[in-house]
Amino acid sequence: MIKLTLPLDKKTVKSLKAGDSVLISGTIMTARDCAHKRIFEYIKEGKKLPFELKDAIIYYAGPCPAKPGMASGSCGPTTSTRMDSFAPTLLDMGLGGMIGKGEMSGEVREAIKRNTCVYFAAIGGAGALYGNAIKKSECIAFADLLSEAVYRLEVVDFPAVVAYDCDGNSIY
Protein backbone atom coordinates (compact mmCIF):
# COMPACT_ATOMS: atom_id res chain seq x y z
CA MET A 1 0.00 0.00 0.00
CA ILE A 2 1.22 3.46 -0.88
CA LYS A 3 0.57 6.08 1.79
CA LEU A 4 -0.47 9.42 0.31
CA THR A 5 -0.79 12.73 2.12
CA LEU A 6 -2.96 15.39 0.51
CA PRO A 7 -2.66 17.70 -1.27
CA LEU A 8 -0.79 15.74 -3.92
CA ASP A 9 2.05 17.40 -5.78
CA LYS A 10 2.55 16.66 -9.48
CA LYS A 11 5.66 14.55 -8.78
CA THR A 12 3.60 12.23 -6.57
CA VAL A 13 0.76 12.10 -9.11
CA LYS A 14 3.24 11.15 -11.85
CA SER A 15 4.59 8.32 -9.68
CA LEU A 16 1.15 6.70 -9.30
CA LYS A 17 0.23 3.91 -11.69
CA ALA A 18 -3.14 2.37 -12.48
CA GLY A 19 -3.69 -0.52 -10.08
CA ASP A 20 -1.66 0.93 -7.20
CA SER A 21 -3.34 0.41 -3.82
CA VAL A 22 -3.21 3.56 -1.71
CA LEU A 23 -4.11 4.85 1.74
CA ILE A 24 -5.10 8.51 1.54
CA SER A 25 -4.74 10.91 4.47
CA GLY A 26 -5.64 14.59 4.48
CA THR A 27 -8.56 16.72 3.34
CA ILE A 28 -11.03 15.67 0.66
CA MET A 29 -14.40 17.15 -0.32
CA THR A 30 -17.61 15.33 -1.13
CA ALA A 31 -19.83 16.30 -4.05
CA ARG A 32 -22.55 14.28 -5.72
CA ASP A 33 -24.86 15.07 -8.63
CA CYS A 34 -26.83 17.95 -7.07
CA ALA A 35 -23.68 19.65 -5.76
CA HIS A 36 -22.08 19.42 -9.19
CA LYS A 37 -25.14 21.03 -10.79
CA ARG A 38 -24.95 23.85 -8.22
CA ILE A 39 -21.20 24.28 -8.80
CA PHE A 40 -21.88 24.69 -12.52
CA GLU A 41 -24.62 27.25 -11.82
CA TYR A 42 -22.01 29.26 -9.91
CA ILE A 43 -19.51 28.93 -12.76
CA LYS A 44 -22.11 29.91 -15.39
CA GLU A 45 -23.13 32.97 -13.34
CA GLY A 46 -19.50 33.98 -12.71
CA LYS A 47 -19.91 33.58 -8.93
CA LYS A 48 -16.98 32.65 -6.72
CA LEU A 49 -17.24 29.09 -5.41
CA PRO A 50 -17.54 28.79 -1.61
CA PHE A 51 -14.51 26.47 -1.53
CA GLU A 52 -11.17 26.13 -3.30
CA LEU A 53 -10.96 23.70 -6.24
CA LYS A 54 -7.21 24.00 -6.84
CA ASP A 55 -5.52 20.67 -6.11
CA ALA A 56 -8.62 19.43 -4.24
CA ILE A 57 -9.80 15.84 -4.38
CA ILE A 58 -13.56 15.38 -4.75
CA TYR A 59 -15.07 12.19 -3.38
CA TYR A 60 -18.28 11.29 -5.18
CA ALA A 61 -20.18 10.47 -2.00
CA GLY A 62 -22.75 11.75 0.45
CA PRO A 63 -21.97 11.04 4.10
CA CYS A 64 -24.70 9.60 6.32
CA PRO A 65 -25.32 11.25 9.70
CA ALA A 66 -22.74 10.40 12.36
CA LYS A 67 -23.50 8.15 15.28
CA PRO A 68 -22.48 9.46 18.72
CA GLY A 69 -18.70 9.60 19.04
CA MET A 70 -18.13 9.34 15.28
CA ALA A 71 -17.16 12.07 12.80
CA SER A 72 -19.36 10.58 10.06
CA GLY A 73 -21.70 7.76 9.34
CA SER A 74 -21.36 5.44 6.40
CA CYS A 75 -19.85 7.20 3.38
CA GLY A 76 -19.62 4.94 0.35
CA PRO A 77 -18.87 6.05 -3.21
CA THR A 78 -21.51 6.77 -5.83
CA THR A 79 -21.28 5.92 -9.52
CA SER A 80 -18.77 8.25 -11.13
CA THR A 81 -20.18 8.29 -14.67
CA ARG A 82 -22.93 10.61 -13.46
CA MET A 83 -20.25 13.31 -13.07
CA ASP A 84 -18.73 12.77 -16.55
CA SER A 85 -20.20 15.98 -17.95
CA PHE A 86 -18.74 18.05 -15.08
CA ALA A 87 -15.32 16.49 -14.42
CA PRO A 88 -13.32 17.75 -17.45
CA THR A 89 -14.20 21.40 -16.73
CA LEU A 90 -13.39 21.05 -13.02
CA LEU A 91 -10.07 19.35 -13.82
CA ASP A 92 -9.24 22.16 -16.27
CA MET A 93 -10.04 24.65 -13.45
CA GLY A 94 -7.44 23.03 -11.17
CA LEU A 95 -9.17 20.09 -9.48
CA GLY A 96 -6.48 17.59 -8.48
CA GLY A 97 -8.55 14.45 -8.87
CA MET A 98 -11.55 12.42 -7.87
CA ILE A 99 -12.53 9.36 -5.89
CA GLY A 100 -15.53 7.35 -7.02
CA LYS A 101 -16.94 4.05 -8.15
CA GLY A 102 -16.60 2.63 -11.64
CA GLU A 103 -15.39 3.85 -14.99
CA MET A 104 -15.58 7.37 -16.36
CA SER A 105 -15.69 8.61 -19.96
CA GLY A 106 -12.81 8.92 -22.39
CA GLU A 107 -13.22 12.71 -22.17
CA VAL A 108 -12.54 12.52 -18.42
CA ARG A 109 -9.50 10.32 -18.99
CA GLU A 110 -8.14 12.85 -21.48
CA ALA A 111 -8.70 15.69 -18.98
CA ILE A 112 -6.85 13.66 -16.33
CA LYS A 113 -3.90 13.26 -18.70
CA ARG A 114 -4.01 16.90 -19.84
CA ASN A 115 -3.96 18.19 -16.26
CA THR A 116 -1.67 15.56 -14.64
CA CYS A 117 -4.39 14.39 -12.26
CA VAL A 118 -5.60 11.07 -10.88
CA TYR A 119 -8.85 9.17 -10.42
CA PHE A 120 -9.09 6.78 -7.49
CA ALA A 121 -11.62 3.96 -7.23
CA ALA A 122 -13.33 3.26 -3.93
CA ILE A 123 -15.12 0.02 -3.16
CA GLY A 124 -18.89 0.03 -3.52
CA GLY A 125 -20.61 -1.48 -0.48
CA ALA A 126 -17.80 -0.46 1.86
CA GLY A 127 -19.43 2.72 3.19
CA ALA A 128 -18.91 1.76 6.85
CA LEU A 129 -15.18 1.20 6.21
CA TYR A 130 -14.90 4.64 4.61
CA GLY A 131 -16.94 6.23 7.39
CA ASN A 132 -14.38 4.90 9.89
CA ALA A 133 -11.54 6.58 7.95
CA ILE A 134 -13.25 9.98 8.39
CA LYS A 135 -11.92 11.80 11.45
CA LYS A 136 -13.69 15.15 10.90
CA SER A 137 -16.63 16.20 8.74
CA GLU A 138 -17.91 19.72 8.08
CA CYS A 139 -20.53 20.97 5.62
CA ILE A 140 -18.84 23.76 3.65
CA ALA A 141 -21.38 24.53 0.91
CA PHE A 142 -24.96 24.00 -0.18
CA ALA A 143 -26.32 22.76 3.17
CA ASP A 144 -29.83 22.74 1.70
CA LEU A 145 -28.79 19.70 -0.36
CA LEU A 146 -28.45 17.66 2.88
CA SER A 147 -26.33 14.55 2.21
CA GLU A 148 -25.57 15.88 -1.30
CA ALA A 149 -24.07 19.09 0.12
CA VAL A 150 -20.33 19.68 -0.14
CA TYR A 151 -18.53 18.37 2.94
CA ARG A 152 -14.90 18.79 3.90
CA LEU A 153 -13.62 15.52 5.30
CA GLU A 154 -10.40 14.89 7.17
CA VAL A 155 -9.47 11.28 6.42
CA VAL A 156 -6.76 8.95 7.68
CA ASP A 157 -5.76 5.83 5.76
CA PHE A 158 -8.71 6.02 3.36
CA PRO A 159 -8.23 2.95 1.12
CA ALA A 160 -8.51 3.27 -2.66
CA VAL A 161 -6.99 2.07 -5.92
CA VAL A 162 -5.54 4.25 -8.67
CA ALA A 163 -8.15 3.67 -11.39
CA TYR A 164 -6.80 6.15 -13.99
CA ASP A 165 -3.27 7.45 -13.79
CA CYS A 166 -2.01 10.64 -15.39
CA ASP A 167 -0.58 8.68 -18.33
CA GLY A 168 -4.05 7.46 -19.34
CA ASN A 169 -3.69 3.93 -18.01
CA SER A 170 -6.76 2.30 -16.52
CA ILE A 171 -7.62 -0.64 -14.28
CA TYR A 172 -10.76 -1.10 -16.33
C-alpha atoms as a PDB file:
ATOM      1  CA  MET A   1       0.000   0.000   0.000  1.00  0.00           C
ATOM      2  CA  ILE A   2       1.225   3.457  -0.882  1.00  0.00           C
ATOM      3  CA  LYS A   3       0.572   6.077   1.790  1.00  0.00           C
ATOM      4  CA  LEU A   4      -0.474   9.416   0.314  1.00  0.00           C
ATOM      5  CA  THR A   5      -0.793  12.727   2.123  1.00  0.00           C
ATOM      6  CA  LEU A   6      -2.962  15.389   0.511  1.00  0.00           C
ATOM      7  CA  PRO A   7      -2.665  17.698  -1.275  1.00  0.00           C
ATOM      8  CA  LEU A   8      -0.794  15.741  -3.920  1.00  0.00           C
ATOM      9  CA  ASP A   9       2.050  17.399  -5.776  1.00  0.00           C
ATOM     10  CA  LYS A  10       2.550  16.657  -9.475  1.00  0.00           C
ATOM     11  CA  LYS A  11       5.661  14.554  -8.777  1.00  0.00           C
ATOM     12  CA  THR A  12       3.598  12.229  -6.573  1.00  0.00           C
ATOM     13  CA  VAL A  13       0.757  12.100  -9.109  1.00  0.00           C
ATOM     14  CA  LYS A  14       3.244  11.154 -11.847  1.00  0.00           C
ATOM     15  CA  SER A  15       4.590   8.317  -9.679  1.00  0.00           C
ATOM     16  CA  LEU A  16       1.148   6.703  -9.298  1.00  0.00           C
ATOM     17  CA  LYS A  17       0.227   3.905 -11.691  1.00  0.00           C
ATOM     18  CA  ALA A  18      -3.143   2.366 -12.479  1.00  0.00           C
ATOM     19  CA  GLY A  19      -3.689  -0.520 -10.081  1.00  0.00           C
ATOM     20  CA  ASP A  20      -1.657   0.934  -7.196  1.00  0.00           C
ATOM     21  CA  SER A  21      -3.340   0.409  -3.824  1.00  0.00           C
ATOM     22  CA  VAL A  22      -3.215   3.560  -1.709  1.00  0.00           C
ATOM     23  CA  LEU A  23      -4.107   4.850   1.738  1.00  0.00           C
ATOM     24  CA  ILE A  24      -5.099   8.512   1.538  1.00  0.00           C
ATOM     25  CA  SER A  25      -4.738  10.912   4.472  1.00  0.00           C
ATOM     26  CA  GLY A  26      -5.638  14.592   4.480  1.00  0.00           C
ATOM     27  CA  THR A  27      -8.556  16.721   3.341  1.00  0.00           C
ATOM     28  CA  ILE A  28     -11.035  15.666   0.664  1.00  0.00           C
ATOM     29  CA  MET A  29     -14.401  17.145  -0.322  1.00  0.00           C
ATOM     30  CA  THR A  30     -17.615  15.334  -1.135  1.00  0.00           C
ATOM     31  CA  ALA A  31     -19.826  16.304  -4.048  1.00  0.00           C
ATOM     32  CA  ARG A  32     -22.547  14.285  -5.716  1.00  0.00           C
ATOM     33  CA  ASP A  33     -24.860  15.067  -8.626  1.00  0.00           C
ATOM     34  CA  CYS A  34     -26.830  17.950  -7.067  1.00  0.00           C
ATOM     35  CA  ALA A  35     -23.684  19.648  -5.759  1.00  0.00           C
ATOM     36  CA  HIS A  36     -22.077  19.423  -9.194  1.00  0.00           C
ATOM     37  CA  LYS A  37     -25.137  21.031 -10.786  1.00  0.00           C
ATOM     38  CA  ARG A  38     -24.952  23.847  -8.223  1.00  0.00           C
ATOM     39  CA  ILE A  39     -21.196  24.282  -8.801  1.00  0.00           C
ATOM     40  CA  PHE A  40     -21.880  24.687 -12.517  1.00  0.00           C
ATOM     41  CA  GLU A  41     -24.619  27.250 -11.824  1.00  0.00           C
ATOM     42  CA  TYR A  42     -22.007  29.262  -9.912  1.00  0.00           C
ATOM     43  CA  ILE A  43     -19.509  28.932 -12.764  1.00  0.00           C
ATOM     44  CA  LYS A  44     -22.109  29.913 -15.386  1.00  0.00           C
ATOM     45  CA  GLU A  45     -23.129  32.973 -13.340  1.00  0.00           C
ATOM     46  CA  GLY A  46     -19.501  33.981 -12.712  1.00  0.00           C
ATOM     47  CA  LYS A  47     -19.906  33.581  -8.934  1.00  0.00           C
ATOM     48  CA  LYS A  48     -16.981  32.649  -6.716  1.00  0.00           C
ATOM     49  CA  LEU A  49     -17.237  29.090  -5.407  1.00  0.00           C
ATOM     50  CA  PRO A  50     -17.544  28.792  -1.605  1.00  0.00           C
ATOM     51  CA  PHE A  51     -14.512  26.467  -1.532  1.00  0.00           C
ATOM     52  CA  GLU A  52     -11.166  26.131  -3.299  1.00  0.00           C
ATOM     53  CA  LEU A  53     -10.960  23.699  -6.236  1.00  0.00           C
ATOM     54  CA  LYS A  54      -7.214  24.004  -6.840  1.00  0.00           C
ATOM     55  CA  ASP A  55      -5.519  20.673  -6.105  1.00  0.00           C
ATOM     56  CA  ALA A  56      -8.619  19.433  -4.245  1.00  0.00           C
ATOM     57  CA  ILE A  57      -9.801  15.840  -4.380  1.00  0.00           C
ATOM     58  CA  ILE A  58     -13.562  15.383  -4.748  1.00  0.00           C
ATOM     59  CA  TYR A  59     -15.069  12.185  -3.379  1.00  0.00           C
ATOM     60  CA  TYR A  60     -18.283  11.288  -5.177  1.00  0.00           C
ATOM     61  CA  ALA A  61     -20.179  10.466  -1.997  1.00  0.00           C
ATOM     62  CA  GLY A  62     -22.746  11.745   0.454  1.00  0.00           C
ATOM     63  CA  PRO A  63     -21.969  11.036   4.105  1.00  0.00           C
ATOM     64  CA  CYS A  64     -24.702   9.596   6.317  1.00  0.00           C
ATOM     65  CA  PRO A  65     -25.317  11.251   9.696  1.00  0.00           C
ATOM     66  CA  ALA A  66     -22.744  10.403  12.355  1.00  0.00           C
ATOM     67  CA  LYS A  67     -23.498   8.147  15.277  1.00  0.00           C
ATOM     68  CA  PRO A  68     -22.476   9.460  18.719  1.00  0.00           C
ATOM     69  CA  GLY A  69     -18.700   9.601  19.040  1.00  0.00           C
ATOM     70  CA  MET A  70     -18.131   9.342  15.280  1.00  0.00           C
ATOM     71  CA  ALA A  71     -17.164  12.074  12.798  1.00  0.00           C
ATOM     72  CA  SER A  72     -19.359  10.584  10.062  1.00  0.00           C
ATOM     73  CA  GLY A  73     -21.704   7.764   9.338  1.00  0.00           C
ATOM     74  CA  SER A  74     -21.361   5.443   6.397  1.00  0.00           C
ATOM     75  CA  CYS A  75     -19.853   7.197   3.381  1.00  0.00           C
ATOM     76  CA  GLY A  76     -19.618   4.942   0.353  1.00  0.00           C
ATOM     77  CA  PRO A  77     -18.874   6.053  -3.210  1.00  0.00           C
ATOM     78  CA  THR A  78     -21.511   6.774  -5.829  1.00  0.00           C
ATOM     79  CA  THR A  79     -21.285   5.917  -9.516  1.00  0.00           C
ATOM     80  CA  SER A  80     -18.774   8.254 -11.133  1.00  0.00           C
ATOM     81  CA  THR A  81     -20.179   8.289 -14.671  1.00  0.00           C
ATOM     82  CA  ARG A  82     -22.928  10.607 -13.457  1.00  0.00           C
ATOM     83  CA  MET A  83     -20.247  13.309 -13.072  1.00  0.00           C
ATOM     84  CA  ASP A  84     -18.730  12.769 -16.550  1.00  0.00           C
ATOM     85  CA  SER A  85     -20.201  15.980 -17.953  1.00  0.00           C
ATOM     86  CA  PHE A  86     -18.742  18.047 -15.082  1.00  0.00           C
ATOM     87  CA  ALA A  87     -15.318  16.494 -14.419  1.00  0.00           C
ATOM     88  CA  PRO A  88     -13.316  17.752 -17.448  1.00  0.00           C
ATOM     89  CA  THR A  89     -14.204  21.396 -16.732  1.00  0.00           C
ATOM     90  CA  LEU A  90     -13.386  21.050 -13.025  1.00  0.00           C
ATOM     91  CA  LEU A  91     -10.067  19.353 -13.824  1.00  0.00           C
ATOM     92  CA  ASP A  92      -9.241  22.159 -16.273  1.00  0.00           C
ATOM     93  CA  MET A  93     -10.039  24.649 -13.452  1.00  0.00           C
ATOM     94  CA  GLY A  94      -7.435  23.030 -11.173  1.00  0.00           C
ATOM     95  CA  LEU A  95      -9.168  20.094  -9.481  1.00  0.00           C
ATOM     96  CA  GLY A  96      -6.479  17.590  -8.475  1.00  0.00           C
ATOM     97  CA  GLY A  97      -8.547  14.447  -8.872  1.00  0.00           C
ATOM     98  CA  MET A  98     -11.550  12.425  -7.868  1.00  0.00           C
ATOM     99  CA  ILE A  99     -12.530   9.356  -5.886  1.00  0.00           C
ATOM    100  CA  GLY A 100     -15.528   7.350  -7.018  1.00  0.00           C
ATOM    101  CA  LYS A 101     -16.945   4.048  -8.146  1.00  0.00           C
ATOM    102  CA  GLY A 102     -16.595   2.634 -11.644  1.00  0.00           C
ATOM    103  CA  GLU A 103     -15.390   3.848 -14.993  1.00  0.00           C
ATOM    104  CA  MET A 104     -15.582   7.373 -16.356  1.00  0.00           C
ATOM    105  CA  SER A 105     -15.692   8.613 -19.959  1.00  0.00           C
ATOM    106  CA  GLY A 106     -12.814   8.922 -22.390  1.00  0.00           C
ATOM    107  CA  GLU A 107     -13.221  12.711 -22.167  1.00  0.00           C
ATOM    108  CA  VAL A 108     -12.545  12.524 -18.416  1.00  0.00           C
ATOM    109  CA  ARG A 109      -9.497  10.319 -18.987  1.00  0.00           C
ATOM    110  CA  GLU A 110      -8.142  12.850 -21.484  1.00  0.00           C
ATOM    111  CA  ALA A 111      -8.701  15.687 -18.984  1.00  0.00           C
ATOM    112  CA  ILE A 112      -6.852  13.661 -16.326  1.00  0.00           C
ATOM    113  CA  LYS A 113      -3.899  13.258 -18.700  1.00  0.00           C
ATOM    114  CA  ARG A 114      -4.009  16.901 -19.841  1.00  0.00           C
ATOM    115  CA  ASN A 115      -3.960  18.188 -16.263  1.00  0.00           C
ATOM    116  CA  THR A 116      -1.667  15.564 -14.642  1.00  0.00           C
ATOM    117  CA  CYS A 117      -4.391  14.392 -12.264  1.00  0.00           C
ATOM    118  CA  VAL A 118      -5.596  11.074 -10.880  1.00  0.00           C
ATOM    119  CA  TYR A 119      -8.849   9.172 -10.418  1.00  0.00           C
ATOM    120  CA  PHE A 120      -9.090   6.785  -7.489  1.00  0.00           C
ATOM    121  CA  ALA A 121     -11.619   3.958  -7.234  1.00  0.00           C
ATOM    122  CA  ALA A 122     -13.326   3.262  -3.927  1.00  0.00           C
ATOM    123  CA  ILE A 123     -15.119   0.022  -3.155  1.00  0.00           C
ATOM    124  CA  GLY A 124     -18.887   0.029  -3.525  1.00  0.00           C
ATOM    125  CA  GLY A 125     -20.612  -1.482  -0.483  1.00  0.00           C
ATOM    126  CA  ALA A 126     -17.799  -0.456   1.862  1.00  0.00           C
ATOM    127  CA  GLY A 127     -19.428   2.723   3.189  1.00  0.00           C
ATOM    128  CA  ALA A 128     -18.906   1.762   6.849  1.00  0.00           C
ATOM    129  CA  LEU A 129     -15.181   1.203   6.208  1.00  0.00           C
ATOM    130  CA  TYR A 130     -14.899   4.640   4.608  1.00  0.00           C
ATOM    131  CA  GLY A 131     -16.938   6.228   7.394  1.00  0.00           C
ATOM    132  CA  ASN A 132     -14.382   4.900   9.891  1.00  0.00           C
ATOM    133  CA  ALA A 133     -11.545   6.581   7.947  1.00  0.00           C
ATOM    134  CA  ILE A 134     -13.249   9.978   8.389  1.00  0.00           C
ATOM    135  CA  LYS A 135     -11.919  11.799  11.450  1.00  0.00           C
ATOM    136  CA  LYS A 136     -13.687  15.147  10.904  1.00  0.00           C
ATOM    137  CA  SER A 137     -16.628  16.203   8.741  1.00  0.00           C
ATOM    138  CA  GLU A 138     -17.907  19.718   8.080  1.00  0.00           C
ATOM    139  CA  CYS A 139     -20.531  20.969   5.621  1.00  0.00           C
ATOM    140  CA  ILE A 140     -18.844  23.763   3.647  1.00  0.00           C
ATOM    141  CA  ALA A 141     -21.377  24.526   0.910  1.00  0.00           C
ATOM    142  CA  PHE A 142     -24.964  23.998  -0.183  1.00  0.00           C
ATOM    143  CA  ALA A 143     -26.321  22.764   3.168  1.00  0.00           C
ATOM    144  CA  ASP A 144     -29.833  22.742   1.702  1.00  0.00           C
ATOM    145  CA  LEU A 145     -28.785  19.697  -0.365  1.00  0.00           C
ATOM    146  CA  LEU A 146     -28.449  17.658   2.879  1.00  0.00           C
ATOM    147  CA  SER A 147     -26.332  14.548   2.208  1.00  0.00           C
ATOM    148  CA  GLU A 148     -25.568  15.877  -1.302  1.00  0.00           C
ATOM    149  CA  ALA A 149     -24.068  19.087   0.120  1.00  0.00           C
ATOM    150  CA  VAL A 150     -20.331  19.676  -0.140  1.00  0.00           C
ATOM    151  CA  TYR A 151     -18.530  18.373   2.944  1.00  0.00           C
ATOM    152  CA  ARG A 152     -14.896  18.794   3.904  1.00  0.00           C
ATOM    153  CA  LEU A 153     -13.619  15.519   5.304  1.00  0.00           C
ATOM    154  CA  GLU A 154     -10.399  14.888   7.174  1.00  0.00           C
ATOM    155  CA  VAL A 155      -9.468  11.284   6.422  1.00  0.00           C
ATOM    156  CA  VAL A 156      -6.761   8.951   7.680  1.00  0.00           C
ATOM    157  CA  ASP A 157      -5.760   5.831   5.755  1.00  0.00           C
ATOM    158  CA  PHE A 158      -8.708   6.023   3.361  1.00  0.00           C
ATOM    159  CA  PRO A 159      -8.230   2.948   1.119  1.00  0.00           C
ATOM    160  CA  ALA A 160      -8.514   3.273  -2.659  1.00  0.00           C
ATOM    161  CA  VAL A 161      -6.995   2.070  -5.917  1.00  0.00           C
ATOM    162  CA  VAL A 162      -5.536   4.245  -8.671  1.00  0.00           C
ATOM    163  CA  ALA A 163      -8.148   3.671 -11.389  1.00  0.00           C
ATOM    164  CA  TYR A 164      -6.796   6.145 -13.991  1.00  0.00           C
ATOM    165  CA  ASP A 165      -3.271   7.449 -13.789  1.00  0.00           C
ATOM    166  CA  CYS A 166      -2.011  10.641 -15.389  1.00  0.00           C
ATOM    167  CA  ASP A 167      -0.580   8.676 -18.332  1.00  0.00           C
ATOM    168  CA  GLY A 168      -4.047   7.459 -19.344  1.00  0.00           C
ATOM    169  CA  ASN A 169      -3.685   3.928 -18.014  1.00  0.00           C
ATOM    170  CA  SER A 170      -6.758   2.301 -16.518  1.00  0.00           C
ATOM    171  CA  ILE A 171      -7.617  -0.635 -14.275  1.00  0.00           C
ATOM    172  CA  TYR A 172     -10.760  -1.095 -16.335  1.00  0.00           C
END
